[in-house]
Amino acid sequence: MSASIQPPAETRFAEELAALAANDKAPRPENWSLSPQAVRQFILGSEGAALTHEWEGKKTKTVITRKYYGETALIERCVVTLLGHRGLMLVGEPGTAKSMLSELLAAAIAGDSKLVIQGTAGTTDDHIKYSWNYALLLAEGPSQRSLVPSPLHIAMQRGALARFEEITRCQPEIQDTLVSLLSDKALHIPELGDDSVLFARKGFNVIATANLRDRGVHEMSSALKRRFNFETVPPLADKKQEMELVKRQAEALLADSNIAVKCPDEVMEVLVTTFQDLRLGRTEEGTVIERPSTVMSTAEAVAVAHAAALDAHYFGKGTLEPEHLARQLLGTALKDNADDIKKLRHYVDVVVKARAAKSKAWDRFHQARKWIIR
């Protein structure tokens, strides 16, 4: 059987989770796979220190890699929120690793990040609570066998974490289905008679994400907001950290496809600097530029780096070059706003041209401007 395209975090980092569990001596809350301290270490890394443990019948040493680049205090606040009775709401612009952080927290705390509700305009309260196997329902009537539990329903049964992605994509009346569930920690199923109430086990909670920038989002009710602690996940401001993250994730994606491409630091710096300039509307030199309407996030930078590396592998010489970045940048920077081409042209003609006189990588990026400006 071929490997899945995107295994869940608990599969990708199974060895790290096993190493943390084996060395975790701190108290664990009920139904938590790791202690709060170990959850923090899983997300922020062990700074090169290796943990000794048994893995696949052998004693081995495992380094816990850093998976989130940001404030330690943010991670600690998230963990503390999930220890309490309020849900955790991660908000921010698209591409700021809200979903990744939600997945990592669920994998470390509950050992299962797959209990996910994806918020869309078509999400109904059945997706949040439960639905029915209608063949069994007609044959046997309402019963536990004919009930089809939602991911949140399963999380309540297990004392696990449910993830609600893009909650503000849902209509407000659908979002408010969560109000009573988060308040009472109980789910009423009147069709089942005596078995009509499911009480959540300890450890149950909800991690939701909300994108407050794109079209199609809906305002949350005050009642629902009070059931969550809000944490804003900011874009990465540190260029060195963003370069490390983009390079690591792009190389991991390439490794999954058994593709080896050299990614020189000077080329990755061109990519990350370009994204930071366009994201902030100001260059390192202090030049003010107009920001494009599209989101120039770290996640988009990873996508461009990956696509450019594939371009280098299949249509180049196996080394990532600035021209490969230029060929792949257009699909990210230009979406559906015609004015963005003017902004990008100004950036290339002014900022990139000025840097081209001082850097070979920027010069080659400028020479490839035909792929960016059409």
Foldseek 3Di string as FASTA:
>chain_A
DDDDLDDFPCVVCVVVLQLQLVPAPDDPPPLWSGRLVSLLCLAAWDVPAWGWDDDPNDTDTHTRDHHAPDDSVLSSVQSVQLLDLFAAEEEEAPQLCLLVSQRSSQCRTNVDSPLEAEAAQPDALCLVAWDFQVVCCVVPNDDPVGIGGHSLRVCQVSLGEHEYEALQLYDQVSSCSCLCCSVQVKAAQPRHPPPGIRHGDHNYHYYYYHHPPDPRGHDHDPSSVVRYDYDYRYADPDLVVLLVNLVVLLVVSCVSVVAAAAEDSVLSSVLSQVLNCLQVQAHPVGDGAHHAPAHSGSNVSSVLSNQLQVCCRPVHPRYRALLSSLLRVQCRQDDPDPCSLVRVVCCLVPVLVVCLVPDVRSVVNSVNCVNNHD
